[in-house]
Each structure stands twice: as structure tokens, then as C-alpha cells.
C-alpha atoms as a PDB file:
ATOM      1  CA  MET A   1       1.592 -57.532  56.803  1.00  0.00           C
ATOM      2  CA  GLY A   2       5.029 -57.664  55.139  1.00  0.00           C
ATOM      3  CA  ALA A   3       4.563 -61.351  54.302  1.00  0.00           C
ATOM      4  CA  VAL A   4       1.175 -60.679  52.786  1.00  0.00           C
ATOM      5  CA  ARG A   5       2.561 -57.876  50.604  1.00  0.00           C
ATOM      6  CA  GLY A   6       5.246 -60.216  49.314  1.00  0.00           C
ATOM      7  CA  ARG A   7       2.745 -62.718  47.863  1.00  0.00           C
ATOM      8  CA  VAL A   8       1.533 -62.656  44.288  1.00  0.00           C
ATOM      9  CA  GLY A   9      -1.811 -60.899  44.048  1.00  0.00           C
ATOM     10  CA  ALA A  10      -3.544 -63.532  41.852  1.00  0.00           C
ATOM     11  CA  ARG A  11      -3.224 -67.206  40.820  1.00  0.00           C
ATOM     12  CA  ILE A  12      -5.017 -69.659  38.540  1.00  0.00           C
ATOM     13  CA  LEU A  13      -7.253 -72.121  40.380  1.00  0.00           C
ATOM     14  CA  GLY A  14      -7.162 -75.794  39.408  1.00  0.00           C
ATOM     15  CA  ALA A  15      -9.672 -78.579  40.021  1.00  0.00           C
ATOM     16  CA  GLY A  16      -8.115 -79.468  43.384  1.00  0.00           C
ATOM     17  CA  ASP A  17      -8.435 -75.860  44.518  1.00  0.00           C
ATOM     18  CA  ARG A  18     -12.194 -75.795  44.538  1.00  0.00           C
ATOM     19  CA  ARG A  19     -13.886 -75.874  47.934  1.00  0.00           C
ATOM     20  CA  PRO A  20     -17.409 -77.103  48.754  1.00  0.00           C
ATOM     21  CA  ALA A  21     -20.171 -74.572  48.448  1.00  0.00           C
ATOM     22  CA  GLY A  22     -21.071 -72.961  51.742  1.00  0.00           C
ATOM     23  CA  ARG A  23     -17.724 -73.639  53.446  1.00  0.00           C
ATOM     24  CA  PRO A  24     -15.873 -70.414  54.307  1.00  0.00           C
ATOM     25  CA  PRO A  25     -12.333 -70.126  52.895  1.00  0.00           C
ATOM     26  CA  THR A  26      -9.397 -71.035  55.057  1.00  0.00           C
ATOM     27  CA  PRO A  27      -6.816 -68.323  55.818  1.00  0.00           C
ATOM     28  CA  GLU A  28      -4.475 -69.839  53.229  1.00  0.00           C
ATOM     29  CA  GLU A  29      -7.215 -69.829  50.575  1.00  0.00           C
ATOM     30  CA  ASP A  30      -8.063 -66.220  51.386  1.00  0.00           C
ATOM     31  CA  VAL A  31      -4.503 -64.899  50.905  1.00  0.00           C
ATOM     32  CA  PRO A  32      -4.867 -64.147  47.166  1.00  0.00           C
ATOM     33  CA  THR A  33      -8.103 -62.227  47.750  1.00  0.00           C
ATOM     34  CA  ARG A  34      -6.634 -60.181  50.567  1.00  0.00           C
ATOM     35  CA  SER A  35      -3.449 -59.621  48.585  1.00  0.00           C
ATOM     36  CA  ARG A  36      -5.453 -58.367  45.626  1.00  0.00           C
ATOM     37  CA  SER A  37      -7.381 -56.032  47.921  1.00  0.00           C
ATOM     38  CA  LEU A  38      -4.204 -54.677  49.467  1.00  0.00           C
ATOM     39  CA  SER A  39      -2.641 -54.199  46.031  1.00  0.00           C
ATOM     40  CA  VAL A  40      -5.691 -52.286  44.801  1.00  0.00           C
ATOM     41  CA  LEU A  41      -5.792 -50.139  47.952  1.00  0.00           C
ATOM     42  CA  ALA A  42      -2.072 -49.365  47.731  1.00  0.00           C
ATOM     43  CA  GLY A  43      -2.401 -48.458  44.050  1.00  0.00           C
ATOM     44  CA  ALA A  44      -5.377 -46.217  44.773  1.00  0.00           C
ATOM     45  CA  ALA A  45      -3.450 -44.468  47.559  1.00  0.00           C
ATOM     46  CA  VAL A  46      -0.501 -43.770  45.253  1.00  0.00           C
ATOM     47  CA  LEU A  47      -2.838 -42.485  42.551  1.00  0.00           C
ATOM     48  CA  SER A  48      -4.637 -40.256  45.048  1.00  0.00           C
ATOM     49  CA  LEU A  49      -1.363 -38.756  46.254  1.00  0.00           C
ATOM     50  CA  SER A  50      -0.273 -38.104  42.698  1.00  0.00           C
ATOM     51  CA  LEU A  51      -3.493 -36.192  42.020  1.00  0.00           C
ATOM     52  CA  VAL A  52      -3.279 -33.915  45.099  1.00  0.00           C
ATOM     53  CA  PRO A  53      -1.898 -30.548  43.980  1.00  0.00           C
ATOM     54  CA  SER A  54       1.089 -29.138  45.808  1.00  0.00           C
ATOM     55  CA  ALA A  55       0.252 -26.490  48.412  1.00  0.00           C
ATOM     56  CA  ARG A  56       3.532 -24.685  47.805  1.00  0.00           C
ATOM     57  CA  GLY A  57       3.465 -21.564  45.653  1.00  0.00           C
ATOM     58  CA  GLY A  58       5.658 -21.052  42.652  1.00  0.00           C
ATOM     59  CA  PRO A  59       6.529 -18.394  40.116  1.00  0.00           C
ATOM     60  CA  ALA A  60       3.740 -17.290  37.832  1.00  0.00           C
ATOM     61  CA  PRO A  61       3.986 -18.684  34.313  1.00  0.00           C
ATOM     62  CA  ALA A  62       5.713 -16.384  31.870  1.00  0.00           C
ATOM     63  CA  PRO A  63       3.239 -14.531  29.641  1.00  0.00           C
ATOM     64  CA  ARG A  64       2.935 -15.892  26.168  1.00  0.00           C
ATOM     65  CA  PRO A  65       4.122 -13.485  23.487  1.00  0.00           C
ATOM     66  CA  ALA A  66       1.288 -11.910  21.567  1.00  0.00           C
ATOM     67  CA  ALA A  67       0.697 -13.350  18.133  1.00  0.00           C
ATOM     68  CA  GLU A  68       1.301  -9.945  16.582  1.00  0.00           C
ATOM     69  CA  SER A  69       4.719  -9.490  18.260  1.00  0.00           C
ATOM     70  CA  ALA A  70       7.409  -8.474  15.754  1.00  0.00           C
ATOM     71  CA  GLY A  71      11.169  -8.798  15.803  1.00  0.00           C
ATOM     72  CA  THR A  72      13.632  -5.904  15.886  1.00  0.00           C
ATOM     73  CA  LEU A  73      15.481  -4.952  12.699  1.00  0.00           C
ATOM     74  CA  CYS A  74      18.929  -3.320  12.957  1.00  0.00           C
ATOM     75  CA  ALA A  75      21.404  -1.831  10.494  1.00  0.00           C
ATOM     76  CA  PRO A  76      24.738   0.041  10.773  1.00  0.00           C
ATOM     77  CA  ALA A  77      23.978   3.771  10.777  1.00  0.00           C
ATOM     78  CA  GLY A  78      27.314   5.531  11.036  1.00  0.00           C
ATOM     79  CA  VAL A  79      30.493   6.159  13.031  1.00  0.00           C
ATOM     80  CA  LEU A  80      30.885   9.195  15.279  1.00  0.00           C
ATOM     81  CA  ARG A  81      34.544  10.292  15.503  1.00  0.00           C
ATOM     82  CA  GLY A  82      36.476  12.428  17.935  1.00  0.00           C
ATOM     83  CA  GLY A  83      40.076  13.308  18.686  1.00  0.00           C
ATOM     84  CA  HIS A  84      42.794  10.831  19.673  1.00  0.00           C
ATOM     85  CA  GLY A  85      41.085   7.937  17.920  1.00  0.00           C
ATOM     86  CA  ARG A  86      37.846   8.137  19.897  1.00  0.00           C
ATOM     87  CA  ARG A  87      34.864   6.815  18.001  1.00  0.00           C
ATOM     88  CA  ALA A  88      31.431   5.249  18.398  1.00  0.00           C
ATOM     89  CA  ALA A  89      30.012   2.778  15.872  1.00  0.00           C
ATOM     90  CA  VAL A  90      26.234   3.292  15.968  1.00  0.00           C
ATOM     91  CA  SER A  91      23.419   1.140  14.618  1.00  0.00           C
ATOM     92  CA  LEU A  92      19.740   1.994  14.385  1.00  0.00           C
ATOM     93  CA  CYS A  93      17.123  -0.591  15.339  1.00  0.00           C
ATOM     94  CA  ALA A  94      13.366  -0.428  14.868  1.00  0.00           C
ATOM     95  CA  ALA A  95      10.339  -2.598  15.518  1.00  0.00           C
ATOM     96  CA  GLY A  96       6.687  -1.931  14.782  1.00  0.00           C
ATOM     97  CA  GLY A  97       3.683  -3.409  16.502  1.00  0.00           C
ATOM     98  CA  PRO A  98       0.666  -2.801  18.727  1.00  0.00           C
ATOM     99  CA  ARG A  99       2.696  -0.795  21.241  1.00  0.00           C
ATOM    100  CA  GLY A 100       4.023   1.629  18.651  1.00  0.00           C
ATOM    101  CA  LEU A 101       7.182   2.208  16.654  1.00  0.00           C
ATOM    102  CA  SER A 102      10.179   1.421  18.857  1.00  0.00           C
ATOM    103  CA  VAL A 103      13.586   2.828  17.911  1.00  0.00           C
ATOM    104  CA  SER A 104      16.962   2.405  19.627  1.00  0.00           C
ATOM    105  CA  ALA A 105      20.605   3.144  18.790  1.00  0.00           C
ATOM    106  CA  PRO A 106      22.992   0.491  20.152  1.00  0.00           C
ATOM    107  CA  ALA A 107      26.657   1.364  19.826  1.00  0.00           C
ATOM    108  CA  THR A 108      30.187   0.315  20.744  1.00  0.00           C
ATOM    109  CA  CYS A 109      32.763   2.891  21.811  1.00  0.00           C
ATOM    110  CA  THR A 110      36.534   2.917  21.285  1.00  0.00           C
ATOM    111  CA  ALA A 111      38.575   5.237  23.502  1.00  0.00           C
ATOM    112  CA  SER A 112      41.804   5.139  21.499  1.00  0.00           C
ATOM    113  CA  ARG A 113      43.381   3.616  18.456  1.00  0.00           C
ATOM    114  CA  ALA A 114      43.570   0.308  20.329  1.00  0.00           C
ATOM    115  CA  LYS A 115      41.190  -2.444  19.382  1.00  0.00           C
ATOM    116  CA  ALA A 116      39.516  -2.582  22.818  1.00  0.00           C
ATOM    117  CA  ARG A 117      35.844  -1.692  22.689  1.00  0.00           C
ATOM    118  CA  ASP A 118      33.654  -0.419  25.509  1.00  0.00           C
ATOM    119  CA  ALA A 119      29.929  -0.394  26.022  1.00  0.00           C
ATOM    120  CA  CYS A 120      28.097   2.778  25.041  1.00  0.00           C
ATOM    121  CA  LEU A 121      25.188   4.658  26.540  1.00  0.00           C
ATOM    122  CA  THR A 122      23.190   6.286  23.759  1.00  0.00           C
ATOM    123  CA  SER A 123      20.420   8.858  23.825  1.00  0.00           C
ATOM    124  CA  GLY A 124      18.937  11.404  21.479  1.00  0.00           C
ATOM    125  CA  THR A 125      16.064  11.881  19.060  1.00  0.00           C
ATOM    126  CA  TRP A 126      14.986  10.221  15.833  1.00  0.00           C
ATOM    127  CA  THR A 127      12.783  10.880  12.810  1.00  0.00           C
ATOM    128  CA  ALA A 128      11.360   8.351  10.345  1.00  0.00           C
ATOM    129  CA  ARG A 129      10.540   9.360   6.782  1.00  0.00           C
ATOM    130  CA  ARG A 130       8.675   7.529   4.067  1.00  0.00           C
ATOM    131  CA  HIS A 131       8.713   8.768   0.499  1.00  0.00           C
ATOM    132  CA  GLY A 132      10.453  11.887   1.790  1.00  0.00           C
ATOM    133  CA  ALA A 133       7.735  12.835   4.292  1.00  0.00           C
ATOM    134  CA  ALA A 134       8.223  12.614   8.059  1.00  0.00           C
ATOM    135  CA  VAL A 135       5.754  10.065   9.447  1.00  0.00           C
ATOM    136  CA  ALA A 136       7.006   9.492  13.021  1.00  0.00           C
ATOM    137  CA  SER A 137       9.508  10.846  15.544  1.00  0.00           C
ATOM    138  CA  GLY A 138      10.532  10.331  19.154  1.00  0.00           C
ATOM    139  CA  VAL A 139      13.348   9.973  21.668  1.00  0.00           C
ATOM    140  CA  LEU A 140      16.052   7.315  21.942  1.00  0.00           C
ATOM    141  CA  PRO A 141      15.352   4.708  23.081  1.00  0.00           C
ATOM    142  CA  GLY A 142      11.585   4.599  23.069  1.00  0.00           C
ATOM    143  CA  ALA A 143       8.300   3.444  21.635  1.00  0.00           C
ATOM    144  CA  ASP A 144       6.533   6.785  21.825  1.00  0.00           C
ATOM    145  CA  ALA A 145       5.224   7.022  18.261  1.00  0.00           C
ATOM    146  CA  ALA A 146       2.356   5.347  16.457  1.00  0.00           C
ATOM    147  CA  TYR A 147       3.443   2.651  14.022  1.00  0.00           C
ATOM    148  CA  PRO A 148       2.472   3.731  10.465  1.00  0.00           C
ATOM    149  CA  GLY A 149       2.578   0.190   9.062  1.00  0.00           C
ATOM    150  CA  PRO A 150       4.930  -1.912   6.923  1.00  0.00           C
ATOM    151  CA  GLY A 151       7.256  -0.333   4.404  1.00  0.00           C
ATOM    152  CA  ARG A 152      10.714   1.107   3.845  1.00  0.00           C
ATOM    153  CA  TYR A 153      11.696   3.926   6.203  1.00  0.00           C
ATOM    154  CA  GLU A 154      14.635   6.315   6.218  1.00  0.00           C
ATOM    155  CA  PHE A 155      15.655   6.852   9.851  1.00  0.00           C
ATOM    156  CA  THR A 156      17.690   9.856  10.932  1.00  0.00           C
ATOM    157  CA  ALA A 157      18.910  10.130  14.524  1.00  0.00           C
ATOM    158  CA  ARG A 158      20.752  12.786  16.461  1.00  0.00           C
ATOM    159  CA  VAL A 159      22.797  10.676  18.883  1.00  0.00           C
ATOM    160  CA  ARG A 160      24.872  11.258  21.988  1.00  0.00           C
ATOM    161  CA  ALA A 161      27.198   8.337  22.769  1.00  0.00           C
ATOM    162  CA  ARG A 162      29.080   7.944  26.072  1.00  0.00           C
ATOM    163  CA  SER A 163      31.400   5.066  26.862  1.00  0.00           C
ATOM    164  CA  VAL A 164      31.284   2.948  30.017  1.00  0.00           C
ATOM    165  CA  PRO A 165      33.781   3.433  31.640  1.00  0.00           C
ATOM    166  CA  ASP A 166      34.205   7.121  30.803  1.00  0.00           C
ATOM    167  CA  GLY A 167      36.555   8.206  28.086  1.00  0.00           C
ATOM    168  CA  VAL A 168      34.367   8.738  25.036  1.00  0.00           C
ATOM    169  CA  GLU A 169      31.584  11.283  24.603  1.00  0.00           C
ATOM    170  CA  LEU A 170      30.528  12.044  21.061  1.00  0.00           C
ATOM    171  CA  ARG A 171      27.554  13.612  19.332  1.00  0.00           C
ATOM    172  CA  GLY A 172      26.437  13.419  15.739  1.00  0.00           C
ATOM    173  CA  THR A 173      23.838  12.412  13.192  1.00  0.00           C
ATOM    174  CA  VAL A 174      23.478   8.880  11.835  1.00  0.00           C
ATOM    175  CA  ARG A 175      21.189   7.411   9.199  1.00  0.00           C
ATOM    176  CA  ALA A 176      19.878   3.999   8.188  1.00  0.00           C
ATOM    177  CA  ALA A 177      17.198   2.597   5.890  1.00  0.00           C
ATOM    178  CA  LEU A 178      15.045  -0.158   7.387  1.00  0.00           C
ATOM    179  CA  THR A 179      12.210  -2.126   5.809  1.00  0.00           C
ATOM    180  CA  LEU A 180       9.626  -3.123   8.413  1.00  0.00           C
ATOM    181  CA  THR A 181       7.218  -5.939   7.639  1.00  0.00           C
ATOM    182  CA  ALA A 182       4.970  -6.139  10.713  1.00  0.00           C
ATOM    183  CA  PRO A 183       1.336  -5.382   9.824  1.00  0.00           C
ATOM    184  CA  LYS A 184      -0.212  -2.214  11.127  1.00  0.00           C
ATOM    185  CA  PRO A 185      -2.337  -3.157  14.160  1.00  0.00           C
ATOM    186  CA  ALA A 186      -6.050  -2.582  13.937  1.00  0.00           C
ATOM    187  CA  ALA A 187      -7.166   0.473  15.871  1.00  0.00           C
ATOM    188  CA  THR A 188      -8.910  -0.358  19.139  1.00  0.00           C
ATOM    189  CA  HIS A 189      -9.661   3.209  20.310  1.00  0.00           C
ATOM    190  CA  ARG A 190      -9.828   6.687  18.811  1.00  0.00           C
ATOM    191  CA  VAL A 191     -10.398  10.260  19.981  1.00  0.00           C
ATOM    192  CA  GLU A 192     -12.151  13.052  18.075  1.00  0.00           C
ATOM    193  CA  VAL A 193     -12.586  16.760  18.862  1.00  0.00           C
ATOM    194  CA  ASP A 194     -14.936  19.288  17.273  1.00  0.00           C
ATOM    195  CA  ARG A 195     -12.467  22.198  16.953  1.00  0.00           C
ATOM    196  CA  THR A 196      -8.952  22.612  15.642  1.00  0.00           C
ATOM    197  CA  ALA A 197      -7.747  25.948  17.071  1.00  0.00           C
ATOM    198  CA  LEU A 198      -7.946  28.275  20.079  1.00  0.00           C
ATOM    199  CA  ARG A 199      -7.467  32.044  20.257  1.00  0.00           C
ATOM    200  CA  PRO A 200      -5.641  34.065  22.937  1.00  0.00           C
ATOM    201  CA  GLY A 201      -7.862  36.061  25.311  1.00  0.00           C
ATOM    202  CA  THR A 202     -10.908  33.843  24.775  1.00  0.00           C
ATOM    203  CA  THR A 203     -12.705  30.863  26.326  1.00  0.00           C
ATOM    204  CA  THR A 204     -13.446  28.009  23.925  1.00  0.00           C
ATOM    205  CA  THR A 205     -15.571  24.918  24.579  1.00  0.00           C
ATOM    206  CA  LEU A 206     -14.126  21.738  23.140  1.00  0.00           C
ATOM    207  CA  THR A 207     -16.155  18.540  22.784  1.00  0.00           C
ATOM    208  CA  TYR A 208     -14.105  15.353  22.770  1.00  0.00           C
ATOM    209  CA  THR A 209     -15.555  11.989  21.743  1.00  0.00           C
ATOM    210  CA  VAL A 210     -13.750   8.835  22.877  1.00  0.00           C
ATOM    211  CA  HIS A 211     -14.505   5.638  20.948  1.00  0.00           C
ATOM    212  CA  GLN A 212     -13.715   2.012  21.719  1.00  0.00           C
ATOM    213  CA  ASP A 213     -13.875   0.282  18.345  1.00  0.00           C
ATOM    214  CA  SER A 214     -12.778  -3.186  19.457  1.00  0.00           C
ATOM    215  CA  ALA A 215     -14.450  -5.759  21.674  1.00  0.00           C
ATOM    216  CA  ALA A 216     -10.970  -6.474  23.087  1.00  0.00           C
ATOM    217  CA  GLY A 217     -11.167  -3.442  25.360  1.00  0.00           C
ATOM    218  CA  ASP A 218     -12.427  -3.650  28.942  1.00  0.00           C
ATOM    219  CA  GLY A 219     -14.727  -0.610  28.667  1.00  0.00           C
ATOM    220  CA  SER A 220     -12.525   1.770  30.657  1.00  0.00           C
ATOM    221  CA  ALA A 221      -9.911   4.363  29.738  1.00  0.00           C
ATOM    222  CA  ARG A 222      -7.952   7.285  31.182  1.00  0.00           C
ATOM    223  CA  PHE A 223      -8.277  10.423  29.088  1.00  0.00           C
ATOM    224  CA  GLY A 224      -5.787  13.241  29.599  1.00  0.00           C
ATOM    225  CA  LEU A 225      -5.712  16.834  28.348  1.00  0.00           C
ATOM    226  CA  ILE A 226      -2.663  19.074  28.748  1.00  0.00           C
ATOM    227  CA  GLY A 227      -2.166  22.745  27.991  1.00  0.00           C
ATOM    228  CA  ALA A 228       1.199  24.502  27.888  1.00  0.00           C
ATOM    229  CA  GLU A 229       2.686  24.895  31.357  1.00  0.00           C
ATOM    230  CA  GLY A 230       3.373  28.517  32.275  1.00  0.00           C
ATOM    231  CA  SER A 231       1.196  29.906  29.478  1.00  0.00           C
ATOM    232  CA  GLY A 232      -1.685  30.867  31.755  1.00  0.00           C
ATOM    233  CA  ALA A 233      -4.041  28.407  30.043  1.00  0.00           C
ATOM    234  CA  GLU A 234      -6.788  26.965  32.246  1.00  0.00           C
ATOM    235  CA  LEU A 235      -8.899  23.889  31.525  1.00  0.00           C
ATOM    236  CA  ALA A 236     -12.253  23.427  33.260  1.00  0.00           C
ATOM    237  CA  THR A 237     -15.209  21.047  33.041  1.00  0.00           C
ATOM    238  CA  ASP A 238     -18.439  20.168  34.828  1.00  0.00           C
ATOM    239  CA  ASP A 239     -17.837  16.469  34.185  1.00  0.00           C
ATOM    240  CA  ASP A 240     -17.519  14.569  37.484  1.00  0.00           C
ATOM    241  CA  ARG A 241     -15.257  12.006  35.812  1.00  0.00           C
ATOM    242  CA  CYS A 242     -12.492  14.602  35.402  1.00  0.00           C
ATOM    243  CA  VAL A 243     -10.121  16.181  37.929  1.00  0.00           C
ATOM    244  CA  HIS A 244      -7.123  18.484  37.902  1.00  0.00           C
ATOM    245  CA  PRO A 245      -4.092  16.298  38.728  1.00  0.00           C
ATOM    246  CA  VAL A 246      -2.357  16.933  42.035  1.00  0.00           C
ATOM    247  CA  THR A 247       1.419  17.360  42.115  1.00  0.00           C
ATOM    248  CA  GLY A 248       3.998  18.049  44.774  1.00  0.00           C
ATOM    249  CA  GLY A 249       5.424  16.357  47.834  1.00  0.00           C
ATOM    250  CA  PRO A 250       4.067  15.994  51.361  1.00  0.00           C
ATOM    251  CA  GLY A 251       3.308  19.707  51.632  1.00  0.00           C
ATOM    252  CA  PRO A 252       0.162  21.487  50.446  1.00  0.00           C
ATOM    253  CA  ALA A 253      -1.320  19.927  47.330  1.00  0.00           C
ATOM    254  CA  GLU A 254      -1.189  21.918  44.140  1.00  0.00           C
ATOM    255  CA  ARG A 255      -3.570  21.193  41.294  1.00  0.00           C
ATOM    256  CA  ARG A 256      -2.471  21.804  37.755  1.00  0.00           C
ATOM    257  CA  ARG A 257      -5.190  23.931  36.229  1.00  0.00           C
ATOM    258  CA  TYR A 258      -3.772  23.558  32.741  1.00  0.00           C
ATOM    259  CA  THR A 259      -4.420  19.782  32.738  1.00  0.00           C
ATOM    260  CA  LEU A 260      -7.368  17.420  33.173  1.00  0.00           C
ATOM    261  CA  ASP A 261      -7.451  13.704  33.959  1.00  0.00           C
ATOM    262  CA  CYS A 262     -10.721  11.872  33.159  1.00  0.00           C
ATOM    263  CA  ALA A 263     -11.585   8.299  34.214  1.00  0.00           C
ATOM    264  CA  LEU A 264     -13.999   6.902  31.627  1.00  0.00           C
ATOM    265  CA  THR A 265     -16.039   3.722  31.991  1.00  0.00           C
ATOM    266  CA  GLY A 266     -18.793   2.006  30.056  1.00  0.00           C
ATOM    267  CA  LEU A 267     -17.079   2.291  26.678  1.00  0.00           C
ATOM    268  CA  ARG A 268     -18.381  -0.170  24.094  1.00  0.00           C
ATOM    269  CA  PRO A 269     -18.268  -0.365  20.314  1.00  0.00           C
ATOM    270  CA  GLY A 270     -20.969   2.039  19.183  1.00  0.00           C
ATOM    271  CA  ARG A 271     -21.244   3.618  22.661  1.00  0.00           C
ATOM    272  CA  PRO A 272     -18.615   6.390  22.877  1.00  0.00           C
ATOM    273  CA  ALA A 273     -18.004   8.752  25.782  1.00  0.00           C
ATOM    274  CA  THR A 274     -18.247  12.527  25.431  1.00  0.00           C
ATOM    275  CA  VAL A 275     -16.207  15.028  27.459  1.00  0.00           C
ATOM    276  CA  ARG A 276     -16.797  18.798  27.222  1.00  0.00           C
ATOM    277  CA  VAL A 277     -13.990  21.083  28.294  1.00  0.00           C
ATOM    278  CA  ARG A 278     -13.668  24.874  28.553  1.00  0.00           C
ATOM    279  CA  VAL A 279     -10.234  26.225  27.667  1.00  0.00           C
ATOM    280  CA  THR A 280      -9.430  29.779  28.739  1.00  0.00           C
ATOM    281  CA  LEU A 281      -6.329  31.448  27.311  1.00  0.00           C
ATOM    282  CA  GLY A 282      -4.664  34.635  28.469  1.00  0.00           C
ATOM    283  CA  PRO A 283      -2.567  36.839  26.200  1.00  0.00           C
ATOM    284  CA  ALA A 284      -0.253  33.905  25.433  1.00  0.00           C
ATOM    285  CA  CYS A 285      -1.037  31.134  23.003  1.00  0.00           C
ATOM    286  CA  SER A 286      -1.270  27.507  24.111  1.00  0.00           C
ATOM    287  CA  THR A 287      -2.054  24.297  22.336  1.00  0.00           C
ATOM    288  CA  VAL A 288      -3.949  21.477  24.068  1.00  0.00           C
ATOM    289  CA  VAL A 289      -2.741  17.931  23.511  1.00  0.00           C
ATOM    290  CA  SER A 290      -4.708  14.802  24.380  1.00  0.00           C
ATOM    291  CA  LYS A 291      -3.875  11.191  25.136  1.00  0.00           C
ATOM    292  CA  LEU A 292      -5.804   8.036  26.006  1.00  0.00           C
ATOM    293  CA  GLY A 293      -4.579   5.135  28.115  1.00  0.00           C
ATOM    294  CA  TYR A 294      -6.437   1.830  27.901  1.00  0.00           C
ATOM    295  CA  TRP A 295      -6.146  -1.857  28.806  1.00  0.00           C
ATOM    296  CA  LEU A 296      -6.819  -4.897  26.623  1.00  0.00           C
ATOM    297  CA  PRO A 297      -7.355  -7.873  28.971  1.00  0.00           C
ATOM    298  CA  ARG A 298      -5.466 -11.030  28.000  1.00  0.00           C
ATOM    299  CA  GLY A 299      -5.727 -13.543  30.837  1.00  0.00           C
ATOM    300  CA  GLN A 300      -3.305 -12.725  33.634  1.00  0.00           C
ATOM    301  CA  GLU A 301      -0.808 -10.926  31.436  1.00  0.00           C
ATOM    302  CA  VAL A 302       0.078  -7.462  32.677  1.00  0.00           C
ATOM    303  CA  PHE A 303       1.510  -5.463  29.780  1.00  0.00           C
ATOM    304  CA  THR A 304      -1.464  -5.625  27.426  1.00  0.00           C
ATOM    305  CA  GLY A 305      -2.623  -2.023  27.255  1.00  0.00           C
ATOM    306  CA  GLY A 306      -1.591   0.955  25.214  1.00  0.00           C
ATOM    307  CA  MET A 307      -1.364   4.718  25.003  1.00  0.00           C
ATOM    308  CA  LEU A 308      -3.060   6.518  22.140  1.00  0.00           C
ATOM    309  CA  VAL A 309      -2.021   9.995  21.028  1.00  0.00           C
ATOM    310  CA  GLY A 310      -5.196  12.019  20.533  1.00  0.00           C
ATOM    311  CA  PRO A 311      -5.773  15.166  18.489  1.00  0.00           C
ATOM    312  CA  THR A 312      -3.927  18.410  19.241  1.00  0.00           C
ATOM    313  CA  VAL A 313      -5.934  21.635  19.266  1.00  0.00           C
ATOM    314  CA  GLY A 314      -3.710  24.439  18.012  1.00  0.00           C
ATOM    315  CA  CYS A 315      -3.682  28.166  18.688  1.00  0.00           C
ATOM    316  CA  ASP A 316      -4.197  30.972  16.161  1.00  0.00           C
ATOM    317  CA  ARG A 317      -3.095  34.496  16.935  1.00  0.00           C
ATOM    318  CA  PRO A 318      -5.443  37.229  15.705  1.00  0.00           C
END
């Protein structure tokens, strides 16, 4: 077989190579034909092996960034100073997009008058203003506010900075102006309610309407309602899609009567879901806040949903 594989797979026949019709080829005359056949079979085998997918698993492909993803914009915001040369140089960073307005406060800490700089842990709260009016606020770091859209914002943050390793702990207020250019994402869902205020000592029926305005949604959503803990407020409904959340450890379950969690399905553009809730207040006032969690399928990507802040029903004292 090795000698056959070493021969050339084809040759040009001359006049002396022709054999009489009807006579079978001799073994020597048949070598080129067999060699061609073996070459074709070997080539086909290699091609077949190259087309067989590997049975071994591998890491899932990294999700592609969404087309509407925006970069993060940062600017120096101030220096917090303490005794013995301690200081923290703080910047404010912001990014707007489908997941909300994200704000952080990176910083470097200096424990003495030396030039050595340490990493900083920062936390706190922030407020964004546009044309003098507050338009968003949240905690540091976080993306817990709706993105109002492109424009110039004045950010104010109350920051606590702690060095790693320990040695610096400072608090103070820093400010920075940032111009965000990411477009405001189109709304995919919205929540409406038919009343704006509750009254102590009464039971009020609230009717919430949950809309899916985009075909990008998967038709399902989690709708949450929360009264003030410890106020004596109780939320109730006859809707089978809603339950009082259970909290606690392995002991007896305790249901939070001041909250409701509703699993909604069948949402479509033009086909909203309606949830009716009875809110009973004692002598104390309580507001009721609402939120909506939803998922926007995008292949096998995981982080494609969002959380929408719904309307807040206030409380009016008589």
C-alpha cells in the first residue's frame, strides 16, 4: 500500500500506451487508476474529519455589546482634605443608556504629605440637575435612576472616601459638570395608576395598568407594590397573579402585608394588564411605590432586561 501511495496519481497516455479493446488492464496499467482512487478517498476522509464538529465543550461566546451602549464620561470633582496631609482626589463619572443613569465616584487617597497614593473606596449619594432643576438622584455607585436623555448636567455628590489600606477616611461634597450625548432610549414599558393620593384611616382601591409598548419584550413582567414598612399599611387584591412576598429564614414564613408581587404574562403592544389593589391605612400615612421588572430577549445574552420605576401614590393628611 505504501508503494502505491508513493506513485503519481495521473499520467498522460501516449500512442504506445493504448491497449486493445476488450482486454482487461494489467496490474501495472491499473496503478494510475487505483492511485487516483486512493488519493480521492484519502482527500475525502480528511475533508470529512475537518467537517466533524468537536464534541468537547467550550466557553460560551461573549455577548456582543448592544448597539445603544454608551461610554462613561468622567471629570475631576474636588479634593476632600483632612488633618496631617490626608486627602482624597475625587472624580465623578456618568453614563446614560437603556439601563439607566449610572454614576460613580472614583478617587485616589493620600495618607500623608508623601507622594504615595492608595486606592479609595467611595460611597454616598448624588443628584443631577439640568437648568437648575433636579432630574435624577441615587446612590454611589449605581444605575438606579432613569436616564433623562442627552444634555449638560450639574452633578453634586456627598462622598465618603476610605483608603485601602486604612489611614484615610474623609467625607465631603464634590461637584462636576458633565455633558452626556447618548440618546434617550425608547420606552418599552410603562405603568399608570388612576389615583394620586391615599388618606389615613381609609381603604382606597387603586387600579394599575401595565403597558408593553415595544415588540422587543417577551410578554411577561414582575410588578411590585410597596407600602411603608412599620406604618400599618396593608395591601390586598383578589388577583391570583399577585402574592405577599415571604421573608425570613428556615423558621415560620412571614408574609409582608404591606407589599405585593405580581407575575404578569400575555403583555403585548395594545394589550395591557390591569391590577386592582386595595390599600388600607391606619392612623399613620404611607405612600405606595411601584416598580416593574422585565426582560428583552436578545439571543442567549443574559443581562438584557430592565427595571422601571412606576408611579408613587402619595398620602394626604386630613
